[in-house]
């Protein structure tokens, strides 16, 4: 048995998963403390994985689909969720400074 080969473009597209992007950005925007960025990223990752799995199960084509036989690309999705949540958190602090 050999490890599945995944094109580099698929790894990049996994970080730009629309469900992950929206969930992480929204939860990062709502975070009121820097430590909650990690919680927002974990929650967004869970939301995106469940939603992507459900969409793949019904046959909706995705950029980086989840499958039982293929990799879930968790490292890329995890880092992307953290970056999207942190970017939204920082953007909110820039637009609406606390005080």
PDB file of N, CA and C in Angstrom:
ATOM      1  N   UNK A   1       0.842  -1.174   0.000  1.00  0.00           N
ATOM      2  CA  UNK A   1       0.000   0.000   0.000  1.00  0.00           C
ATOM      3  C   UNK A   1       0.887   1.237   0.000  1.00  0.00           C
ATOM      4  N   UNK A   2       0.603   2.154  -0.883  1.00  0.00           N
ATOM      5  CA  UNK A   2       1.387   3.380  -0.969  1.00  0.00           C
ATOM      6  C   UNK A   2       0.535   4.560  -0.520  1.00  0.00           C
ATOM      7  N   UNK A   3       1.225   5.580  -0.082  1.00  0.00           N
ATOM      8  CA  UNK A   3       0.531   6.794   0.340  1.00  0.00           C
ATOM      9  C   UNK A   3      -0.045   7.499  -0.885  1.00  0.00           C
ATOM     10  N   UNK A   4      -1.238   8.088  -0.758  1.00  0.00           N
ATOM     11  CA  UNK A   4      -1.821   8.773  -1.911  1.00  0.00           C
ATOM     12  C   UNK A   4      -1.014  10.016  -2.269  1.00  0.00           C
ATOM     13  N   UNK A   5      -0.905  10.262  -3.537  1.00  0.00           N
ATOM     14  CA  UNK A   5      -0.199  11.437  -4.020  1.00  0.00           C
ATOM     15  C   UNK A   5      -1.207  12.556  -4.254  1.00  0.00           C
ATOM     16  N   UNK A   6      -0.952  13.684  -3.639  1.00  0.00           N
ATOM     17  CA  UNK A   6      -1.866  14.818  -3.758  1.00  0.00           C
ATOM     18  C   UNK A   6      -1.114  15.956  -4.426  1.00  0.00           C
ATOM     19  N   UNK A   7      -1.656  16.515  -5.504  1.00  0.00           N
ATOM     20  CA  UNK A   7      -0.988  17.639  -6.162  1.00  0.00           C
ATOM     21  C   UNK A   7      -0.865  18.838  -5.217  1.00  0.00           C
ATOM     22  N   UNK A   8       0.193  19.611  -5.408  1.00  0.00           N
ATOM     23  CA  UNK A   8       0.443  20.770  -4.562  1.00  0.00           C
ATOM     24  C   UNK A   8      -0.714  21.762  -4.629  1.00  0.00           C
ATOM     25  N   UNK A   9      -1.331  21.904  -5.792  1.00  0.00           N
ATOM     26  CA  UNK A   9      -2.455  22.839  -5.939  1.00  0.00           C
ATOM     27  C   UNK A   9      -3.609  22.456  -5.020  1.00  0.00           C
ATOM     28  N   UNK A  10      -3.818  21.175  -4.792  1.00  0.00           N
ATOM     29  CA  UNK A  10      -4.888  20.732  -3.896  1.00  0.00           C
ATOM     30  C   UNK A  10      -4.575  21.128  -2.458  1.00  0.00           C
ATOM     31  N   UNK A  11      -3.300  21.053  -2.076  1.00  0.00           N
ATOM     32  CA  UNK A  11      -2.903  21.479  -0.728  1.00  0.00           C
ATOM     33  C   UNK A  11      -3.199  22.963  -0.542  1.00  0.00           C
ATOM     34  N   UNK A  12      -2.900  23.761  -1.540  1.00  0.00           N
ATOM     35  CA  UNK A  12      -3.166  25.210  -1.451  1.00  0.00           C
ATOM     36  C   UNK A  12      -4.670  25.465  -1.408  1.00  0.00           C
ATOM     37  N   UNK A  13      -5.426  24.788  -2.255  1.00  0.00           N
ATOM     38  CA  UNK A  13      -6.878  24.985  -2.290  1.00  0.00           C
ATOM     39  C   UNK A  13      -7.537  24.584  -0.977  1.00  0.00           C
ATOM     40  N   UNK A  14      -6.963  23.642  -0.251  1.00  0.00           N
ATOM     41  CA  UNK A  14      -7.526  23.244   1.043  1.00  0.00           C
ATOM     42  C   UNK A  14      -7.490  24.406   2.030  1.00  0.00           C
ATOM     43  N   UNK A  15      -6.498  25.263   1.922  1.00  0.00           N
ATOM     44  CA  UNK A  15      -6.419  26.433   2.796  1.00  0.00           C
ATOM     45  C   UNK A  15      -7.413  27.524   2.431  1.00  0.00           C
ATOM     46  N   UNK A  16      -7.913  27.490   1.203  1.00  0.00           N
ATOM     47  CA  UNK A  16      -8.891  28.472   0.748  1.00  0.00           C
ATOM     48  C   UNK A  16     -10.283  27.865   0.627  1.00  0.00           C
ATOM     49  N   UNK A  17     -10.536  26.816   1.396  1.00  0.00           N
ATOM     50  CA  UNK A  17     -11.850  26.185   1.439  1.00  0.00           C
ATOM     51  C   UNK A  17     -12.871  27.245   1.868  1.00  0.00           C
ATOM     52  N   UNK A  18     -13.904  27.493   1.070  1.00  0.00           N
ATOM     53  CA  UNK A  18     -14.846  28.571   1.389  1.00  0.00           C
ATOM     54  C   UNK A  18     -15.523  28.415   2.750  1.00  0.00           C
ATOM     55  N   UNK A  19     -15.864  27.202   3.122  1.00  0.00           N
ATOM     56  CA  UNK A  19     -16.530  26.999   4.413  1.00  0.00           C
ATOM     57  C   UNK A  19     -15.567  27.298   5.550  1.00  0.00           C
ATOM     58  N   UNK A  20     -14.336  26.837   5.411  1.00  0.00           N
ATOM     59  CA  UNK A  20     -13.308  27.109   6.415  1.00  0.00           C
ATOM     60  C   UNK A  20     -13.032  28.605   6.504  1.00  0.00           C
ATOM     61  N   UNK A  21     -12.923  29.249   5.378  1.00  0.00           N
ATOM     62  CA  UNK A  21     -12.641  30.682   5.338  1.00  0.00           C
ATOM     63  C   UNK A  21     -13.740  31.489   6.033  1.00  0.00           C
ATOM     64  N   UNK A  22     -14.981  31.198   5.714  1.00  0.00           N
ATOM     65  CA  UNK A  22     -16.101  31.941   6.306  1.00  0.00           C
ATOM     66  C   UNK A  22     -16.213  31.659   7.806  1.00  0.00           C
ATOM     67  N   UNK A  23     -16.134  30.397   8.183  1.00  0.00           N
ATOM     68  CA  UNK A  23     -16.280  30.044   9.597  1.00  0.00           C
ATOM     69  C   UNK A  23     -15.148  30.631  10.436  1.00  0.00           C
ATOM     70  N   UNK A  24     -13.918  30.500   9.985  1.00  0.00           N
ATOM     71  CA  UNK A  24     -12.782  31.020  10.745  1.00  0.00           C
ATOM     72  C   UNK A  24     -12.810  32.541  10.813  1.00  0.00           C
ATOM     73  N   UNK A  25     -13.161  33.179   9.710  1.00  0.00           N
ATOM     74  CA  UNK A  25     -13.218  34.642   9.709  1.00  0.00           C
ATOM     75  C   UNK A  25     -14.313  35.155  10.641  1.00  0.00           C
ATOM     76  N   UNK A  26     -15.476  34.531  10.591  1.00  0.00           N
ATOM     77  CA  UNK A  26     -16.587  34.976  11.433  1.00  0.00           C
ATOM     78  C   UNK A  26     -16.262  34.761  12.912  1.00  0.00           C
ATOM     79  N   UNK A  27     -15.749  33.579  13.250  1.00  0.00           N
ATOM     80  CA  UNK A  27     -15.428  33.299  14.649  1.00  0.00           C
ATOM     81  C   UNK A  27     -14.241  34.140  15.135  1.00  0.00           C
ATOM     82  N   UNK A  28     -13.275  34.377  14.271  1.00  0.00           N
ATOM     83  CA  UNK A  28     -12.162  35.250  14.632  1.00  0.00           C
ATOM     84  C   UNK A  28     -12.617  36.679  14.840  1.00  0.00           C
ATOM     85  N   UNK A  29     -13.558  37.128  14.050  1.00  0.00           N
ATOM     86  CA  UNK A  29     -14.108  38.482  14.189  1.00  0.00           C
ATOM     87  C   UNK A  29     -14.824  38.626  15.530  1.00  0.00           C
ATOM     88  N   UNK A  30     -15.518  37.577  15.937  1.00  0.00           N
ATOM     89  CA  UNK A  30     -16.273  37.613  17.188  1.00  0.00           C
ATOM     90  C   UNK A  30     -15.403  37.425  18.425  1.00  0.00           C
ATOM     91  N   UNK A  31     -14.174  36.944  18.274  1.00  0.00           N
ATOM     92  CA  UNK A  31     -13.297  36.718  19.425  1.00  0.00           C
ATOM     93  C   UNK A  31     -12.981  38.046  20.107  1.00  0.00           C
ATOM     94  N   UNK A  32     -13.054  38.054  21.435  1.00  0.00           N
ATOM     95  CA  UNK A  32     -12.790  39.290  22.165  1.00  0.00           C
ATOM     96  C   UNK A  32     -11.457  39.274  22.913  1.00  0.00           C
ATOM     97  N   UNK A  33     -10.728  38.180  22.824  1.00  0.00           N
ATOM     98  CA  UNK A  33      -9.407  38.064  23.430  1.00  0.00           C
ATOM     99  C   UNK A  33      -8.505  37.300  22.476  1.00  0.00           C
ATOM    100  N   UNK A  34      -7.207  37.609  22.473  1.00  0.00           N
ATOM    101  CA  UNK A  34      -6.307  36.907  21.546  1.00  0.00           C
ATOM    102  C   UNK A  34      -6.283  35.390  21.737  1.00  0.00           C
ATOM    103  N   UNK A  35      -6.423  34.911  22.959  1.00  0.00           N
ATOM    104  CA  UNK A  35      -6.413  33.476  23.207  1.00  0.00           C
ATOM    105  C   UNK A  35      -7.581  32.752  22.573  1.00  0.00           C
ATOM    106  N   UNK A  36      -8.652  33.467  22.312  1.00  0.00           N
ATOM    107  CA  UNK A  36      -9.833  32.842  21.704  1.00  0.00           C
ATOM    108  C   UNK A  36      -9.675  32.616  20.203  1.00  0.00           C
ATOM    109  N   UNK A  37      -8.589  33.132  19.640  1.00  0.00           N
ATOM    110  CA  UNK A  37      -8.319  32.881  18.222  1.00  0.00           C
ATOM    111  C   UNK A  37      -8.098  31.385  18.004  1.00  0.00           C
ATOM    112  N   UNK A  38      -7.398  30.735  18.935  1.00  0.00           N
ATOM    113  CA  UNK A  38      -7.155  29.303  18.806  1.00  0.00           C
ATOM    114  C   UNK A  38      -8.454  28.506  18.910  1.00  0.00           C
ATOM    115  N   UNK A  39      -9.319  28.919  19.801  1.00  0.00           N
ATOM    116  CA  UNK A  39     -10.614  28.259  19.945  1.00  0.00           C
ATOM    117  C   UNK A  39     -11.448  28.468  18.686  1.00  0.00           C
ATOM    118  N   UNK A  40     -11.411  29.683  18.153  1.00  0.00           N
ATOM    119  CA  UNK A  40     -12.136  29.977  16.919  1.00  0.00           C
ATOM    120  C   UNK A  40     -11.605  29.123  15.771  1.00  0.00           C
ATOM    121  N   UNK A  41     -10.296  28.959  15.694  1.00  0.00           N
ATOM    122  CA  UNK A  41      -9.700  28.155  14.624  1.00  0.00           C
ATOM    123  C   UNK A  41     -10.103  26.691  14.748  1.00  0.00           C
ATOM    124  N   UNK A  42     -10.084  26.155  15.956  1.00  0.00           N
ATOM    125  CA  UNK A  42     -10.488  24.762  16.151  1.00  0.00           C
ATOM    126  C   UNK A  42     -11.957  24.557  15.813  1.00  0.00           C
ATOM    127  N   UNK A  43     -12.797  25.486  16.240  1.00  0.00           N
ATOM    128  CA  UNK A  43     -14.226  25.375  15.937  1.00  0.00           C
ATOM    129  C   UNK A  43     -14.472  25.478  14.432  1.00  0.00           C
ATOM    130  N   UNK A  44     -13.785  26.403  13.778  1.00  0.00           N
ATOM    131  CA  UNK A  44     -13.942  26.561  12.329  1.00  0.00           C
ATOM    132  C   UNK A  44     -13.458  25.323  11.593  1.00  0.00           C
ATOM    133  N   UNK A  45     -12.370  24.723  12.069  1.00  0.00           N
ATOM    134  CA  UNK A  45     -11.872  23.498  11.454  1.00  0.00           C
ATOM    135  C   UNK A  45     -12.904  22.384  11.579  1.00  0.00           C
ATOM    136  N   UNK A  46     -13.503  22.239  12.744  1.00  0.00           N
ATOM    137  CA  UNK A  46     -14.539  21.230  12.935  1.00  0.00           C
ATOM    138  C   UNK A  46     -15.748  21.477  12.053  1.00  0.00           C
ATOM    139  N   UNK A  47     -16.194  22.711  11.985  1.00  0.00           N
ATOM    140  CA  UNK A  47     -17.343  23.061  11.142  1.00  0.00           C
ATOM    141  C   UNK A  47     -17.048  22.742   9.685  1.00  0.00           C
ATOM    142  N   UNK A  48     -15.879  23.145   9.223  1.00  0.00           N
ATOM    143  CA  UNK A  48     -15.519  22.944   7.822  1.00  0.00           C
ATOM    144  C   UNK A  48     -15.374  21.459   7.484  1.00  0.00           C
ATOM    145  N   UNK A  49     -14.770  20.691   8.372  1.00  0.00           N
ATOM    146  CA  UNK A  49     -14.594  19.264   8.089  1.00  0.00           C
ATOM    147  C   UNK A  49     -15.930  18.537   8.019  1.00  0.00           C
ATOM    148  N   UNK A  50     -16.837  18.845   8.947  1.00  0.00           N
ATOM    149  CA  UNK A  50     -18.148  18.192   8.929  1.00  0.00           C
ATOM    150  C   UNK A  50     -18.946  18.629   7.691  1.00  0.00           C
ATOM    151  N   UNK A  51     -18.916  19.916   7.384  1.00  0.00           N
ATOM    152  CA  UNK A  51     -19.661  20.408   6.222  1.00  0.00           C
ATOM    153  C   UNK A  51     -19.068  19.855   4.922  1.00  0.00           C
ATOM    154  N   UNK A  52     -17.740  19.847   4.803  1.00  0.00           N
ATOM    155  CA  UNK A  52     -17.113  19.309   3.596  1.00  0.00           C
ATOM    156  C   UNK A  52     -17.384  17.812   3.446  1.00  0.00           C
ATOM    157  N   UNK A  53     -17.347  17.090   4.563  1.00  0.00           N
ATOM    158  CA  UNK A  53     -17.640  15.658   4.509  1.00  0.00           C
ATOM    159  C   UNK A  53     -19.074  15.430   4.029  1.00  0.00           C
ATOM    160  N   UNK A  54     -20.014  16.211   4.573  1.00  0.00           N
ATOM    161  CA  UNK A  54     -21.420  16.053   4.179  1.00  0.00           C
ATOM    162  C   UNK A  54     -21.622  16.416   2.707  1.00  0.00           C
ATOM    163  N   UNK A  55     -20.998  17.483   2.256  1.00  0.00           N
ATOM    164  CA  UNK A  55     -21.143  17.879   0.855  1.00  0.00           C
ATOM    165  C   UNK A  55     -20.504  16.858  -0.082  1.00  0.00           C
ATOM    166  N   UNK A  56     -19.366  16.313   0.311  1.00  0.00           N
ATOM    167  CA  UNK A  56     -18.723  15.277  -0.500  1.00  0.00           C
ATOM    168  C   UNK A  56     -19.580  14.018  -0.543  1.00  0.00           C
ATOM    169  N   UNK A  57     -20.230  13.701   0.578  1.00  0.00           N
ATOM    170  CA  UNK A  57     -21.065  12.497   0.638  1.00  0.00           C
ATOM    171  C   UNK A  57     -22.266  12.576  -0.297  1.00  0.00           C
ATOM    172  N   UNK A  58     -22.807  13.766  -0.488  1.00  0.00           N
ATOM    173  CA  UNK A  58     -23.963  13.902  -1.386  1.00  0.00           C
ATOM    174  C   UNK A  58     -23.547  14.179  -2.830  1.00  0.00           C
ATOM    175  N   UNK A  59     -22.240  14.315  -3.068  1.00  0.00           N
ATOM    176  CA  UNK A  59     -21.758  14.447  -4.435  1.00  0.00           C
ATOM    177  C   UNK A  59     -21.486  15.855  -4.914  1.00  0.00           C
ATOM    178  N   UNK A  60     -21.470  16.822  -4.021  1.00  0.00           N
ATOM    179  CA  UNK A  60     -21.162  18.198  -4.417  1.00  0.00           C
ATOM    180  C   UNK A  60     -19.657  18.297  -4.659  1.00  0.00           C
ATOM    181  N   UNK A  61     -19.245  18.777  -5.830  1.00  0.00           N
ATOM    182  CA  UNK A  61     -17.805  18.873  -6.090  1.00  0.00           C
ATOM    183  C   UNK A  61     -17.173  20.003  -5.272  1.00  0.00           C
ATOM    184  N   UNK A  62     -16.051  19.687  -4.647  1.00  0.00           N
ATOM    185  CA  UNK A  62     -15.315  20.666  -3.849  1.00  0.00           C
ATOM    186  C   UNK A  62     -13.897  20.793  -4.377  1.00  0.00           C
ATOM    187  N   UNK A  63     -13.233  21.889  -4.029  1.00  0.00           N
ATOM    188  CA  UNK A  63     -11.857  22.100  -4.465  1.00  0.00           C
ATOM    189  C   UNK A  63     -10.911  21.083  -3.845  1.00  0.00           C
ATOM    190  N   UNK A  64     -11.081  20.815  -2.566  1.00  0.00           N
ATOM    191  CA  UNK A  64     -10.260  19.831  -1.848  1.00  0.00           C
ATOM    192  C   UNK A  64     -11.213  18.908  -1.085  1.00  0.00           C
ATOM    193  N   UNK A  65     -11.815  17.946  -1.780  1.00  0.00           N
ATOM    194  CA  UNK A  65     -12.848  17.115  -1.151  1.00  0.00           C
ATOM    195  C   UNK A  65     -12.292  16.184  -0.075  1.00  0.00           C
ATOM    196  N   UNK A  66     -13.139  15.838   0.854  1.00  0.00           N
ATOM    197  CA  UNK A  66     -12.796  14.857   1.879  1.00  0.00           C
ATOM    198  C   UNK A  66     -13.314  13.503   1.418  1.00  0.00           C
ATOM    199  N   UNK A  67     -12.467  12.505   1.538  1.00  0.00           N
ATOM    200  CA  UNK A  67     -12.864  11.162   1.150  1.00  0.00           C
ATOM    201  C   UNK A  67     -12.239  10.168   2.107  1.00  0.00           C
ATOM    202  N   UNK A  68     -12.867   9.017   2.219  1.00  0.00           N
ATOM    203  CA  UNK A  68     -12.374   7.975   3.105  1.00  0.00           C
ATOM    204  C   UNK A  68     -11.011   7.473   2.643  1.00  0.00           C
ATOM    205  N   UNK A  69     -10.781   7.477   1.351  1.00  0.00           N
ATOM    206  CA  UNK A  69      -9.536   6.948   0.804  1.00  0.00           C
ATOM    207  C   UNK A  69      -8.456   8.011   0.614  1.00  0.00           C
ATOM    208  N   UNK A  70      -8.799   9.270   0.708  1.00  0.00           N
ATOM    209  CA  UNK A  70      -7.819  10.330   0.460  1.00  0.00           C
ATOM    210  C   UNK A  70      -7.424  11.051   1.730  1.00  0.00           C
ATOM    211  N   UNK A  71      -6.397  11.858   1.639  1.00  0.00           N
ATOM    212  CA  UNK A  71      -5.966  12.618   2.819  1.00  0.00           C
ATOM    213  C   UNK A  71      -6.926  13.758   3.127  1.00  0.00           C
ATOM    214  N   UNK A  72      -7.035  14.090   4.390  1.00  0.00           N
ATOM    215  CA  UNK A  72      -7.912  15.192   4.790  1.00  0.00           C
ATOM    216  C   UNK A  72      -7.183  16.522   4.762  1.00  0.00           C
ATOM    217  N   UNK A  73      -5.875  16.499   4.572  1.00  0.00           N
ATOM    218  CA  UNK A  73      -5.064  17.713   4.507  1.00  0.00           C
ATOM    219  C   UNK A  73      -5.200  18.538   5.785  1.00  0.00           C
ATOM    220  N   UNK A  74      -5.244  17.847   6.916  1.00  0.00           N
ATOM    221  CA  UNK A  74      -5.431  18.516   8.204  1.00  0.00           C
ATOM    222  C   UNK A  74      -4.357  19.549   8.536  1.00  0.00           C
ATOM    223  N   UNK A  75      -3.082  19.313   8.246  1.00  0.00           N
ATOM    224  CA  UNK A  75      -2.101  20.354   8.577  1.00  0.00           C
ATOM    225  C   UNK A  75      -2.389  21.677   7.867  1.00  0.00           C
ATOM    226  N   UNK A  76      -2.721  21.592   6.595  1.00  0.00           N
ATOM    227  CA  UNK A  76      -2.994  22.811   5.831  1.00  0.00           C
ATOM    228  C   UNK A  76      -4.269  23.472   6.321  1.00  0.00           C
ATOM    229  N   UNK A  77      -5.294  22.681   6.542  1.00  0.00           N
ATOM    230  CA  UNK A  77      -6.566  23.237   7.007  1.00  0.00           C
ATOM    231  C   UNK A  77      -6.428  23.859   8.395  1.00  0.00           C
ATOM    232  N   UNK A  78      -5.642  23.238   9.261  1.00  0.00           N
ATOM    233  CA  UNK A  78      -5.455  23.764  10.619  1.00  0.00           C
ATOM    234  C   UNK A  78      -4.726  25.103  10.606  1.00  0.00           C
ATOM    235  N   UNK A  79      -3.645  25.170   9.863  1.00  0.00           N
ATOM    236  CA  UNK A  79      -2.884  26.421   9.772  1.00  0.00           C
ATOM    237  C   UNK A  79      -3.726  27.501   9.107  1.00  0.00           C
ATOM    238  N   UNK A  80      -4.457  27.135   8.065  1.00  0.00           N
ATOM    239  CA  UNK A  80      -5.305  28.112   7.382  1.00  0.00           C
ATOM    240  C   UNK A  80      -6.397  28.637   8.304  1.00  0.00           C
ATOM    241  N   UNK A  81      -7.014  27.762   9.089  1.00  0.00           N
ATOM    242  CA  UNK A  81      -8.050  28.202  10.027  1.00  0.00           C
ATOM    243  C   UNK A  81      -7.470  29.188  11.034  1.00  0.00           C
ATOM    244  N   UNK A  82      -6.281  28.900  11.540  1.00  0.00           N
ATOM    245  CA  UNK A  82      -5.638  29.804  12.492  1.00  0.00           C
ATOM    246  C   UNK A  82      -5.309  31.143  11.848  1.00  0.00           C
ATOM    247  N   UNK A  83      -4.803  31.116  10.630  1.00  0.00           N
ATOM    248  CA  UNK A  83      -4.462  32.372   9.940  1.00  0.00           C
ATOM    249  C   UNK A  83      -5.700  33.201   9.604  1.00  0.00           C
ATOM    250  N   UNK A  84      -6.769  32.554   9.135  1.00  0.00           N
ATOM    251  CA  UNK A  84      -7.994  33.286   8.815  1.00  0.00           C
ATOM    252  C   UNK A  84      -8.617  33.890  10.072  1.00  0.00           C
ATOM    253  N   UNK A  85      -8.639  33.127  11.170  1.00  0.00           N
ATOM    254  CA  UNK A  85      -9.208  33.643  12.422  1.00  0.00           C
ATOM    255  C   UNK A  85      -8.372  34.806  12.950  1.00  0.00           C
ATOM    256  N   UNK A  86      -7.049  34.675  12.900  1.00  0.00           N
ATOM    257  CA  UNK A  86      -6.169  35.751  13.381  1.00  0.00           C
ATOM    258  C   UNK A  86      -6.308  36.993  12.513  1.00  0.00           C
ATOM    259  N   UNK A  87      -6.416  36.813  11.207  1.00  0.00           N
ATOM    260  CA  UNK A  87      -6.575  37.957  10.307  1.00  0.00           C
ATOM    261  C   UNK A  87      -7.878  38.703  10.588  1.00  0.00           C
ATOM    262  N   UNK A  88      -8.962  37.969  10.808  1.00  0.00           N
ATOM    263  CA  UNK A  88     -10.244  38.617  11.105  1.00  0.00           C
ATOM    264  C   UNK A  88     -10.194  39.322  12.452  1.00  0.00           C
ATOM    265  N   UNK A  89      -9.560  38.685  13.441  1.00  0.00           N
ATOM    266  CA  UNK A  89      -9.416  39.308  14.761  1.00  0.00           C
ATOM    267  C   UNK A  89      -8.630  40.615  14.656  1.00  0.00           C
ATOM    268  N   UNK A  90      -7.525  40.598  13.953  1.00  0.00           N
ATOM    269  CA  UNK A  90      -6.703  41.800  13.805  1.00  0.00           C
ATOM    270  C   UNK A  90      -7.408  42.874  12.976  1.00  0.00           C
ATOM    271  N   UNK A  91      -8.138  42.459  11.955  1.00  0.00           N
ATOM    272  CA  UNK A  91      -8.882  43.421  11.142  1.00  0.00           C
ATOM    273  C   UNK A  91      -9.940  44.126  11.970  1.00  0.00           C
ATOM    274  N   UNK A  92     -10.636  43.380  12.811  1.00  0.00           N
ATOM    275  CA  UNK A  92     -11.650  44.013  13.666  1.00  0.00           C
ATOM    276  C   UNK A  92     -10.999  44.999  14.625  1.00  0.00           C
ATOM    277  N   UNK A  93      -9.844  44.664  15.165  1.00  0.00           N
ATOM    278  CA  UNK A  93      -9.160  45.562  16.091  1.00  0.00           C
ATOM    279  C   UNK A  93      -8.636  46.803  15.373  1.00  0.00           C
ATOM    280  N   UNK A  94      -8.340  46.672  14.087  1.00  0.00           N
ATOM    281  CA  UNK A  94      -7.867  47.802  13.302  1.00  0.00           C
ATOM    282  C   UNK A  94      -9.024  48.737  12.927  1.00  0.00           C
ATOM    283  N   UNK A  95     -10.142  48.140  12.530  1.00  0.00           N
ATOM    284  CA  UNK A  95     -11.298  48.935  12.119  1.00  0.00           C
ATOM    285  C   UNK A  95     -11.988  49.564  13.318  1.00  0.00           C
ATOM    286  N   UNK A  96     -12.227  48.743  14.361  1.00  0.00           N
ATOM    287  CA  UNK A  96     -12.899  49.212  15.569  1.00  0.00           C
ATOM    288  C   UNK A  96     -11.981  49.026  16.781  1.00  0.00           C
ATOM    289  N   UNK A  97     -11.105  49.986  17.017  1.00  0.00           N
ATOM    290  CA  UNK A  97     -10.225  49.840  18.182  1.00  0.00           C
ATOM    291  C   UNK A  97     -11.027  49.769  19.479  1.00  0.00           C
ATOM    292  N   UNK A  98     -10.570  48.904  20.377  1.00  0.00           N
ATOM    293  CA  UNK A  98     -11.230  48.769  21.685  1.00  0.00           C
ATOM    294  C   UNK A  98     -10.991  50.039  22.502  1.00  0.00           C
ATOM    295  N   UNK A  99     -11.981  50.390  23.266  1.00  0.00           N
ATOM    296  CA  UNK A  99     -11.747  51.549  24.111  1.00  0.00           C
ATOM    297  C   UNK A  99     -12.909  52.376  24.347  1.00  0.00           C
TER     298      UNK A  99
END
